[in-house]
Amino acid sequence: MSALIFPTAALLEIAGCFAVWAWWRGGASGWWLVPGALALAGFAWLLALSPTDHAGRAFAAYGGVYVAASLAWLWAMEGFRPDRWDLLGAALCLVGAAVIVFGPRPG
């Protein structure tokens, strides 16, 4: 379930934040804020569906996925290809996220 929730939540968060960025820094219409707010609300809703028992653990694991998704956005939407250090950092973050989500827990 996390394999679907976290990437979708990341896409919604990045899209929502990008909408604010486009309005504030890029001169886009204020109407960009409407889908941006909806995307951010969808992000929060999805993250609350995470199967982890504690919110902090879900947020920590999600952070690793967010880093990787941000670099994918950088490449796909902004046209800047991540370098090997970006990719190595993202891989480390994803490994960390997997340890947080799938690590054995007592009880």
C-alpha atoms as a PDB file:
ATOM      1  CA  MET A   1       0.000   0.000   0.000  1.00  0.00           C
ATOM      2  CA  SER A   2       2.829   2.425   0.853  1.00  0.00           C
ATOM      3  CA  ALA A   3       4.292   1.800  -2.602  1.00  0.00           C
ATOM      4  CA  LEU A   4       1.197   3.511  -4.055  1.00  0.00           C
ATOM      5  CA  ILE A   5       0.385   6.036  -1.350  1.00  0.00           C
ATOM      6  CA  PHE A   6       3.788   7.674  -0.940  1.00  0.00           C
ATOM      7  CA  PRO A   7       4.569   8.319  -4.642  1.00  0.00           C
ATOM      8  CA  THR A   8       1.052   9.628  -5.296  1.00  0.00           C
ATOM      9  CA  ALA A   9       1.217  11.842  -2.215  1.00  0.00           C
ATOM     10  CA  ALA A  10       4.596  13.150  -3.380  1.00  0.00           C
ATOM     11  CA  LEU A  11       3.227  13.998  -6.818  1.00  0.00           C
ATOM     12  CA  LEU A  12       0.314  15.887  -5.252  1.00  0.00           C
ATOM     13  CA  GLU A  13       2.536  17.757  -2.789  1.00  0.00           C
ATOM     14  CA  ILE A  14       5.063  18.755  -5.426  1.00  0.00           C
ATOM     15  CA  ALA A  15       2.325  19.809  -7.875  1.00  0.00           C
ATOM     16  CA  GLY A  16       0.582  21.850  -5.173  1.00  0.00           C
ATOM     17  CA  CYS A  17       3.775  23.570  -4.104  1.00  0.00           C
ATOM     18  CA  PHE A  18       4.739  24.153  -7.736  1.00  0.00           C
ATOM     19  CA  ALA A  19       1.393  25.883  -8.312  1.00  0.00           C
ATOM     20  CA  VAL A  20       2.179  28.321  -5.490  1.00  0.00           C
ATOM     21  CA  TRP A  21       5.704  28.764  -6.862  1.00  0.00           C
ATOM     22  CA  ALA A  22       4.325  29.462 -10.350  1.00  0.00           C
ATOM     23  CA  TRP A  23       1.944  32.079  -8.972  1.00  0.00           C
ATOM     24  CA  TRP A  24       4.324  33.715  -6.511  1.00  0.00           C
ATOM     25  CA  ARG A  25       7.620  33.531  -8.373  1.00  0.00           C
ATOM     26  CA  GLY A  26       6.630  32.805 -11.956  1.00  0.00           C
ATOM     27  CA  GLY A  27       3.909  35.391 -12.476  1.00  0.00           C
ATOM     28  CA  ALA A  28       1.171  32.820 -13.164  1.00  0.00           C
ATOM     29  CA  SER A  29      -2.476  33.671 -12.567  1.00  0.00           C
ATOM     30  CA  GLY A  30      -3.871  33.455  -9.055  1.00  0.00           C
ATOM     31  CA  TRP A  31      -6.171  30.735 -10.375  1.00  0.00           C
ATOM     32  CA  TRP A  32      -3.163  28.393 -10.123  1.00  0.00           C
ATOM     33  CA  LEU A  33      -3.758  28.457  -6.363  1.00  0.00           C
ATOM     34  CA  VAL A  34      -7.078  26.591  -6.684  1.00  0.00           C
ATOM     35  CA  PRO A  35      -5.694  23.332  -8.106  1.00  0.00           C
ATOM     36  CA  GLY A  36      -2.624  23.840  -5.929  1.00  0.00           C
ATOM     37  CA  ALA A  37      -4.753  23.886  -2.772  1.00  0.00           C
ATOM     38  CA  LEU A  38      -6.705  20.829  -3.942  1.00  0.00           C
ATOM     39  CA  ALA A  39      -3.477  18.973  -4.651  1.00  0.00           C
ATOM     40  CA  LEU A  40      -2.112  19.812  -1.201  1.00  0.00           C
ATOM     41  CA  ALA A  41      -5.354  18.681   0.449  1.00  0.00           C
ATOM     42  CA  GLY A  42      -5.142  15.411  -1.510  1.00  0.00           C
ATOM     43  CA  PHE A  43      -1.551  14.987  -0.392  1.00  0.00           C
ATOM     44  CA  ALA A  44      -2.491  15.342   3.281  1.00  0.00           C
ATOM     45  CA  TRP A  45      -5.419  12.936   2.906  1.00  0.00           C
ATOM     46  CA  LEU A  46      -3.280  10.300   1.205  1.00  0.00           C
ATOM     47  CA  LEU A  47      -0.498  10.553   3.749  1.00  0.00           C
ATOM     48  CA  ALA A  48      -3.061   9.977   6.507  1.00  0.00           C
ATOM     49  CA  LEU A  49      -3.926   6.655   4.794  1.00  0.00           C
ATOM     50  CA  SER A  50      -0.393   5.358   5.328  1.00  0.00           C
ATOM     51  CA  PRO A  51      -0.406   1.897   6.926  1.00  0.00           C
ATOM     52  CA  THR A  52       2.153   2.842   9.594  1.00  0.00           C
ATOM     53  CA  ASP A  53       0.976   2.996  13.209  1.00  0.00           C
ATOM     54  CA  HIS A  54       2.382   6.437  13.979  1.00  0.00           C
ATOM     55  CA  ALA A  55       2.163   9.676  12.004  1.00  0.00           C
ATOM     56  CA  GLY A  56       5.800  10.584  12.613  1.00  0.00           C
ATOM     57  CA  ARG A  57       6.961   7.267  11.172  1.00  0.00           C
ATOM     58  CA  ALA A  58       4.772   7.752   8.095  1.00  0.00           C
ATOM     59  CA  PHE A  59       6.100  11.295   7.606  1.00  0.00           C
ATOM     60  CA  ALA A  60       9.713  10.142   7.997  1.00  0.00           C
ATOM     61  CA  ALA A  61       9.329   7.321   5.483  1.00  0.00           C
ATOM     62  CA  TYR A  62       7.452   9.594   3.097  1.00  0.00           C
ATOM     63  CA  GLY A  63      10.363  12.047   3.219  1.00  0.00           C
ATOM     64  CA  GLY A  64      12.613   9.601   1.397  1.00  0.00           C
ATOM     65  CA  VAL A  65      10.057   9.105  -1.358  1.00  0.00           C
ATOM     66  CA  TYR A  66       9.559  12.885  -1.572  1.00  0.00           C
ATOM     67  CA  VAL A  67      13.277  13.427  -2.217  1.00  0.00           C
ATOM     68  CA  ALA A  68      13.274  10.965  -5.118  1.00  0.00           C
ATOM     69  CA  ALA A  69      10.003  12.340  -6.525  1.00  0.00           C
ATOM     70  CA  SER A  70      11.362  15.888  -6.364  1.00  0.00           C
ATOM     71  CA  LEU A  71      14.309  14.882  -8.520  1.00  0.00           C
ATOM     72  CA  ALA A  72      11.955  13.163 -10.975  1.00  0.00           C
ATOM     73  CA  TRP A  73       9.950  16.414 -11.121  1.00  0.00           C
ATOM     74  CA  LEU A  74      13.155  18.372 -11.692  1.00  0.00           C
ATOM     75  CA  TRP A  75      13.895  16.229 -14.723  1.00  0.00           C
ATOM     76  CA  ALA A  76      10.394  15.717 -16.148  1.00  0.00           C
ATOM     77  CA  MET A  77       8.864  19.148 -15.553  1.00  0.00           C
ATOM     78  CA  GLU A  78      11.809  21.531 -15.319  1.00  0.00           C
ATOM     79  CA  GLY A  79      14.109  19.907 -17.858  1.00  0.00           C
ATOM     80  CA  PHE A  80      17.147  19.547 -15.591  1.00  0.00           C
ATOM     81  CA  ARG A  81      18.596  16.070 -15.407  1.00  0.00           C
ATOM     82  CA  PRO A  82      19.696  14.966 -11.930  1.00  0.00           C
ATOM     83  CA  ASP A  83      23.396  14.139 -11.683  1.00  0.00           C
ATOM     84  CA  ARG A  84      24.925  11.064 -10.108  1.00  0.00           C
ATOM     85  CA  TRP A  85      25.086  12.707  -6.677  1.00  0.00           C
ATOM     86  CA  ASP A  86      21.387  13.538  -6.831  1.00  0.00           C
ATOM     87  CA  LEU A  87      20.642   9.930  -7.756  1.00  0.00           C
ATOM     88  CA  LEU A  88      22.899   8.520  -5.039  1.00  0.00           C
ATOM     89  CA  GLY A  89      21.264  10.775  -2.445  1.00  0.00           C
ATOM     90  CA  ALA A  90      17.792   9.750  -3.598  1.00  0.00           C
ATOM     91  CA  ALA A  91      18.745   6.059  -3.455  1.00  0.00           C
ATOM     92  CA  LEU A  92      19.992   6.479   0.110  1.00  0.00           C
ATOM     93  CA  CYS A  93      16.756   8.220   1.059  1.00  0.00           C
ATOM     94  CA  LEU A  94      14.664   5.418  -0.461  1.00  0.00           C
ATOM     95  CA  VAL A  95      16.667   2.792   1.401  1.00  0.00           C
ATOM     96  CA  GLY A  96      16.111   4.749   4.601  1.00  0.00           C
ATOM     97  CA  ALA A  97      12.385   4.976   3.910  1.00  0.00           C
ATOM     98  CA  ALA A  98      12.209   1.213   3.333  1.00  0.00           C
ATOM     99  CA  VAL A  99      14.005   0.551   6.622  1.00  0.00           C
ATOM    100  CA  ILE A 100      11.515   2.798   8.451  1.00  0.00           C
ATOM    101  CA  VAL A 101       8.436   1.196   6.877  1.00  0.00           C
ATOM    102  CA  PHE A 102       9.477  -2.440   6.729  1.00  0.00           C
ATOM    103  CA  GLY A 103      11.801  -2.739   9.731  1.00  0.00           C
ATOM    104  CA  PRO A 104      10.750  -5.398  12.245  1.00  0.00           C
ATOM    105  CA  ARG A 105       8.884  -3.968  15.202  1.00  0.00           C
ATOM    106  CA  PRO A 106       8.094  -5.737  18.477  1.00  0.00           C
ATOM    107  CA  GLY A 107       4.476  -6.603  19.149  1.00  0.00           C
END
